[in-house]
């Protein structure tokens, strides 16, 4: 396990929130872009105690460095930090992969809240600090919402968001990049008040779109690409796709859709 993790103690609301975001990003990575590796590491057959023949109880850890790890729980009792859900590997082959990942996501959300408010209690956050911390956390979609696509569906269901359905990705998976470039060029032209208002509204609508890998919002100065299979949007940097490379992709599949295979 990451050696410095147990010694890292954020002391302000901003530091605790930064710690929360880092751990959250790592766990989202495990359940989305790194899902194939995560699935394999949780194989119950690979977790046999030498000589005893018993399966190990594994946990999914997220670290402030935005990394993740599947490991045994800490040996200290009580541990330095609250422990994640124990034995996530036991259910792996007993249910559908999608349902299992959703279950791990739910428990991961619960663990992140536990860690954040553990720090809050340890360093004496008052009522106002706790409320501010919760509001900052609540502004982000949960890991469960990111993994299941619920956060994206909420955006699609809003009537004020046009062309965020299936039609956009079918015609051009690089459309988000083109939109960004179009905005940049239009910004240099003289506009009347109506044009300015329309563009601000459009940016607000796009700003509600969330990256399927990191869960962060859309920004007009970033390159995005849409998966033609699950129709989720991703930062190009999160899935290692550049605008130049995207121009040669006829049908883009995100890492999760590329790695999916039929489970027995």
Protein backbone atom coordinates (compact mmCIF):
# COMPACT_ATOMS: atom_id res chain seq x y z
CA UNK A 1 0.00 0.00 0.00
CA UNK A 2 1.12 3.58 -0.59
CA UNK A 3 3.41 4.26 2.34
CA UNK A 4 2.74 7.97 2.68
CA UNK A 5 -1.05 7.56 2.56
CA UNK A 6 -1.42 6.83 6.28
CA UNK A 7 0.76 9.82 7.20
CA UNK A 8 -1.01 12.33 4.98
CA UNK A 9 -3.37 14.44 7.09
CA UNK A 10 -5.07 17.42 5.40
CA UNK A 11 -6.10 20.04 7.95
CA UNK A 12 -8.29 22.58 6.11
CA UNK A 13 -11.55 22.24 4.20
CA UNK A 14 -9.74 22.95 0.93
CA UNK A 15 -7.05 20.35 1.69
CA UNK A 16 -9.63 17.71 2.64
CA UNK A 17 -11.56 18.41 -0.57
CA UNK A 18 -8.35 18.16 -2.61
CA UNK A 19 -7.64 14.83 -0.89
CA UNK A 20 -11.21 13.70 -1.68
CA UNK A 21 -10.90 14.62 -5.37
CA UNK A 22 -7.58 12.81 -5.73
CA UNK A 23 -8.87 9.60 -4.16
CA UNK A 24 -12.09 9.84 -6.16
CA UNK A 25 -10.19 10.29 -9.45
CA UNK A 26 -8.09 7.20 -8.71
CA UNK A 27 -11.11 5.03 -7.96
CA UNK A 28 -12.98 6.28 -11.03
CA UNK A 29 -9.93 5.38 -13.09
CA UNK A 30 -9.97 1.83 -11.67
CA UNK A 31 -13.67 1.40 -12.53
CA UNK A 32 -13.55 2.98 -16.01
CA UNK A 33 -10.33 3.48 -17.99
CA UNK A 34 -8.40 0.80 -16.04
CA UNK A 35 -11.39 -1.51 -15.58
CA UNK A 36 -9.81 -4.52 -17.30
CA UNK A 37 -6.75 -4.41 -15.06
CA UNK A 38 -8.92 -3.85 -11.98
CA UNK A 39 -11.18 -6.79 -12.91
CA UNK A 40 -8.19 -9.11 -13.25
CA UNK A 41 -6.65 -8.03 -9.94
CA UNK A 42 -9.89 -8.99 -8.20
CA UNK A 43 -9.86 -12.55 -9.58
CA UNK A 44 -10.71 -14.77 -6.55
CA UNK A 45 -8.71 -17.66 -7.98
CA UNK A 46 -5.51 -15.61 -7.82
CA UNK A 47 -6.00 -14.72 -4.15
CA UNK A 48 -5.30 -17.98 -2.35
CA UNK A 49 -3.29 -18.00 0.85
CA UNK A 50 -0.30 -20.29 0.44
CA UNK A 51 -0.91 -23.46 2.45
CA UNK A 52 -4.28 -22.38 3.88
CA UNK A 53 -6.31 -22.42 0.68
CA UNK A 54 -8.49 -19.49 1.79
CA UNK A 55 -9.33 -16.52 -0.37
CA UNK A 56 -7.99 -13.10 0.61
CA UNK A 57 -10.32 -10.21 1.52
CA UNK A 58 -9.37 -7.44 -0.90
CA UNK A 59 -10.18 -3.71 -0.85
CA UNK A 60 -10.08 -0.96 -3.48
CA UNK A 61 -8.03 2.02 -2.29
CA UNK A 62 -7.90 5.48 -3.86
CA UNK A 63 -4.95 7.76 -3.08
CA UNK A 64 -4.60 11.57 -3.09
CA UNK A 65 -2.18 11.15 -6.02
CA UNK A 66 -5.12 10.00 -8.23
CA UNK A 67 -3.82 6.42 -8.22
CA UNK A 68 -5.66 3.26 -7.15
CA UNK A 69 -4.67 -0.05 -5.65
CA UNK A 70 -6.28 -3.40 -4.85
CA UNK A 71 -4.81 -4.66 -1.60
CA UNK A 72 -5.44 -6.26 1.77
CA UNK A 73 -6.74 -4.04 4.59
CA UNK A 74 -4.27 -2.45 6.99
CA UNK A 75 -3.12 -4.63 9.87
CA UNK A 76 -3.47 -1.90 12.50
CA UNK A 77 -6.56 -2.05 14.70
CA UNK A 78 -8.06 0.48 14.51
CA UNK A 79 -6.55 1.60 11.19
CA UNK A 80 -5.20 5.10 10.60
CA UNK A 81 -8.04 5.79 8.15
CA UNK A 82 -11.48 4.18 7.72
CA UNK A 83 -11.22 0.99 5.64
CA UNK A 84 -12.90 0.49 2.25
CA UNK A 85 -15.43 -2.31 1.72
CA UNK A 86 -13.74 -5.63 2.51
CA UNK A 87 -13.77 -8.65 0.19
CA UNK A 88 -14.85 -7.03 -3.08
CA UNK A 89 -13.25 -9.97 -4.93
CA UNK A 90 -15.68 -12.52 -3.44
CA UNK A 91 -18.66 -11.27 -5.46
CA UNK A 92 -16.75 -10.72 -8.70
CA UNK A 93 -17.65 -14.02 -10.35
CA UNK A 94 -21.04 -14.30 -8.66
CA UNK A 95 -22.76 -11.46 -10.52
CA UNK A 96 -22.74 -9.60 -13.82
CA UNK A 97 -19.64 -7.44 -14.28
CA UNK A 98 -21.72 -4.27 -14.72
CA UNK A 99 -23.63 -4.92 -11.49
CA UNK A 100 -20.44 -5.79 -9.62
CA UNK A 101 -18.70 -2.59 -10.74
CA UNK A 102 -21.76 -0.58 -9.70
CA UNK A 103 -21.70 -2.24 -6.27
CA UNK A 104 -18.00 -1.44 -5.81
CA UNK A 105 -18.72 2.14 -6.94
CA UNK A 106 -21.43 2.57 -4.27
CA UNK A 107 -19.12 1.34 -1.50
CA UNK A 108 -16.31 3.53 -2.87
CA UNK A 109 -18.56 6.60 -2.56
CA UNK A 110 -19.33 5.67 1.04
CA UNK A 111 -15.62 5.23 1.81
CA UNK A 112 -14.69 8.62 0.34
CA UNK A 113 -17.28 10.37 2.51
CA UNK A 114 -16.04 8.45 5.56
CA UNK A 115 -12.43 9.49 4.95
CA UNK A 116 -13.33 13.13 4.32
CA UNK A 117 -15.39 13.47 7.49
CA UNK A 118 -12.83 11.48 9.47
CA UNK A 119 -10.38 14.28 8.68
CA UNK A 120 -13.07 16.83 9.50
CA UNK A 121 -13.67 15.31 12.93
CA UNK A 122 -9.99 14.79 13.67
CA UNK A 123 -9.09 18.39 12.98
CA UNK A 124 -12.14 19.94 14.61
CA UNK A 125 -14.22 21.22 11.69
CA UNK A 126 -17.20 23.13 13.03
CA UNK A 127 -20.73 23.02 11.63
CA UNK A 128 -20.00 25.65 8.97
CA UNK A 129 -16.83 23.87 7.81
CA UNK A 130 -18.59 20.51 7.63
CA UNK A 131 -21.43 22.03 5.61
CA UNK A 132 -18.99 23.74 3.25
CA UNK A 133 -17.06 20.50 2.79
CA UNK A 134 -20.24 18.56 2.04
CA UNK A 135 -21.44 21.16 -0.46
CA UNK A 136 -18.09 21.04 -2.28
CA UNK A 137 -18.26 17.24 -2.41
CA UNK A 138 -21.93 17.25 -3.43
CA UNK A 139 -21.19 19.44 -6.45
CA UNK A 140 -19.31 16.50 -7.98
CA UNK A 141 -21.13 13.47 -9.41
CA UNK A 142 -20.70 10.33 -7.33
CA UNK A 143 -18.48 7.49 -8.51
CA UNK A 144 -21.66 5.43 -8.94
CA UNK A 145 -23.15 8.10 -11.23
CA UNK A 146 -19.96 8.23 -13.32
CA UNK A 147 -19.62 4.44 -13.59
CA UNK A 148 -23.28 3.80 -14.47
CA UNK A 149 -23.64 6.83 -16.71
CA UNK A 150 -26.39 8.28 -14.51
CA UNK A 151 -24.68 11.68 -14.38
CA UNK A 152 -24.62 11.85 -18.18
CA UNK A 153 -28.27 10.78 -18.40
CA UNK A 154 -29.28 13.59 -16.06
CA UNK A 155 -27.68 16.08 -18.43
CA UNK A 156 -29.31 14.51 -21.49
CA UNK A 157 -32.77 14.62 -19.92
CA UNK A 158 -32.65 18.42 -19.50
CA UNK A 159 -34.73 19.95 -22.34
CA UNK A 160 -32.44 22.99 -22.52
CA UNK A 161 -29.51 20.91 -23.76
CA UNK A 162 -29.84 20.38 -27.54
CA UNK A 163 -28.00 17.81 -29.65
CA UNK A 164 -26.47 15.92 -26.73
CA UNK A 165 -28.23 12.69 -27.66
CA UNK A 166 -27.33 9.92 -30.06
CA UNK A 167 -27.35 12.07 -33.22
CA UNK A 168 -24.20 14.00 -32.30
CA UNK A 169 -21.83 11.06 -31.96
CA UNK A 170 -23.18 9.20 -34.97
CA UNK A 171 -22.23 12.00 -37.33
CA UNK A 172 -18.91 13.17 -35.94
CA UNK A 173 -17.20 11.90 -32.75
CA UNK A 174 -14.83 14.88 -32.88
CA UNK A 175 -17.63 17.45 -32.81
CA UNK A 176 -16.72 18.77 -29.35
CA UNK A 177 -13.28 19.77 -30.60
CA UNK A 178 -14.79 21.50 -33.58
CA UNK A 179 -17.20 23.36 -31.33
CA UNK A 180 -14.31 24.60 -29.19
CA UNK A 181 -12.39 25.83 -32.22
CA UNK A 182 -15.52 27.51 -33.55
CA UNK A 183 -16.02 29.37 -30.30
CA UNK A 184 -12.43 30.58 -30.31
CA UNK A 185 -12.76 32.01 -33.83
CA UNK A 186 -16.13 33.59 -33.11
CA UNK A 187 -14.75 35.21 -29.98
CA UNK A 188 -12.46 37.35 -32.13
CA UNK A 189 -15.36 38.73 -34.19
CA UNK A 190 -17.60 41.65 -33.34
CA UNK A 191 -20.94 40.38 -32.04
CA UNK A 192 -24.14 42.09 -31.07
CA UNK A 193 -25.70 41.47 -27.64
CA UNK A 194 -27.94 38.62 -28.83
CA UNK A 195 -24.98 36.65 -30.20
CA UNK A 196 -23.04 37.08 -26.96
CA UNK A 197 -25.95 35.83 -24.86
CA UNK A 198 -26.51 32.85 -27.15
CA UNK A 199 -22.88 31.79 -26.92
CA UNK A 200 -22.82 32.09 -23.11
CA UNK A 201 -25.92 29.89 -22.91
CA UNK A 202 -24.27 27.32 -25.18
CA UNK A 203 -21.14 27.23 -22.99
CA UNK A 204 -23.28 26.75 -19.88
CA UNK A 205 -25.06 23.81 -21.50
CA UNK A 206 -21.80 22.17 -22.53
CA UNK A 207 -20.39 22.84 -19.09
CA UNK A 208 -22.90 20.36 -17.66
CA UNK A 209 -21.36 17.52 -19.67
CA UNK A 210 -19.13 15.26 -17.57
CA UNK A 211 -16.08 13.26 -18.58
CA UNK A 212 -16.75 9.51 -18.43
CA UNK A 213 -13.25 8.89 -17.06
CA UNK A 214 -12.56 11.59 -14.45
CA UNK A 215 -16.11 12.94 -13.92
CA UNK A 216 -15.03 16.56 -14.35
CA UNK A 217 -17.01 19.16 -16.31
CA UNK A 218 -16.57 20.19 -19.94
CA UNK A 219 -14.33 23.19 -20.61
CA UNK A 220 -14.34 25.03 -23.95
CA UNK A 221 -10.53 25.09 -24.17
CA UNK A 222 -10.17 21.29 -23.87
CA UNK A 223 -10.37 18.60 -26.55
CA UNK A 224 -13.19 16.08 -26.00
CA UNK A 225 -14.20 12.94 -27.84
CA UNK A 226 -17.42 10.91 -27.70
CA UNK A 227 -17.60 7.10 -27.64
CA UNK A 228 -19.79 5.79 -30.47
CA UNK A 229 -20.83 2.78 -28.37
CA UNK A 230 -21.81 4.12 -24.92
CA UNK A 231 -22.10 7.78 -26.07
CA UNK A 232 -20.09 9.10 -23.12
CA UNK A 233 -17.81 12.11 -23.58
CA UNK A 234 -14.16 11.96 -22.49
CA UNK A 235 -11.31 14.43 -22.13
CA UNK A 236 -8.82 13.57 -24.85
CA UNK A 237 -6.05 13.54 -22.23
CA UNK A 238 -7.97 11.06 -20.06
CA UNK A 239 -8.19 8.48 -22.86
CA UNK A 240 -4.89 9.46 -24.53
CA UNK A 241 -6.45 10.70 -27.78
CA UNK A 242 -5.12 13.85 -29.48
CA UNK A 243 -7.08 15.99 -31.95
CA UNK A 244 -4.73 14.87 -34.74
CA UNK A 245 -5.27 11.21 -33.92
CA UNK A 246 -9.03 11.68 -33.63
CA UNK A 247 -9.22 12.89 -37.22
CA UNK A 248 -8.28 9.38 -38.39
CA UNK A 249 -10.77 7.52 -36.16
CA UNK A 250 -13.93 6.50 -37.99
CA UNK A 251 -15.61 4.92 -34.96
CA UNK A 252 -14.23 5.69 -31.51
CA UNK A 253 -14.58 3.16 -28.68
CA UNK A 254 -13.67 4.22 -25.15
CA UNK A 255 -11.40 1.93 -23.06
CA UNK A 256 -14.36 0.39 -21.23
CA UNK A 257 -16.21 -0.51 -24.42
CA UNK A 258 -13.01 -1.74 -26.09
CA UNK A 259 -12.26 -4.06 -23.20
CA UNK A 260 -15.76 -5.46 -22.77
CA UNK A 261 -16.15 -9.12 -23.45
CA UNK A 262 -18.77 -11.71 -22.62
CA UNK A 263 -18.32 -13.02 -19.08
CA UNK A 264 -19.27 -16.63 -18.30
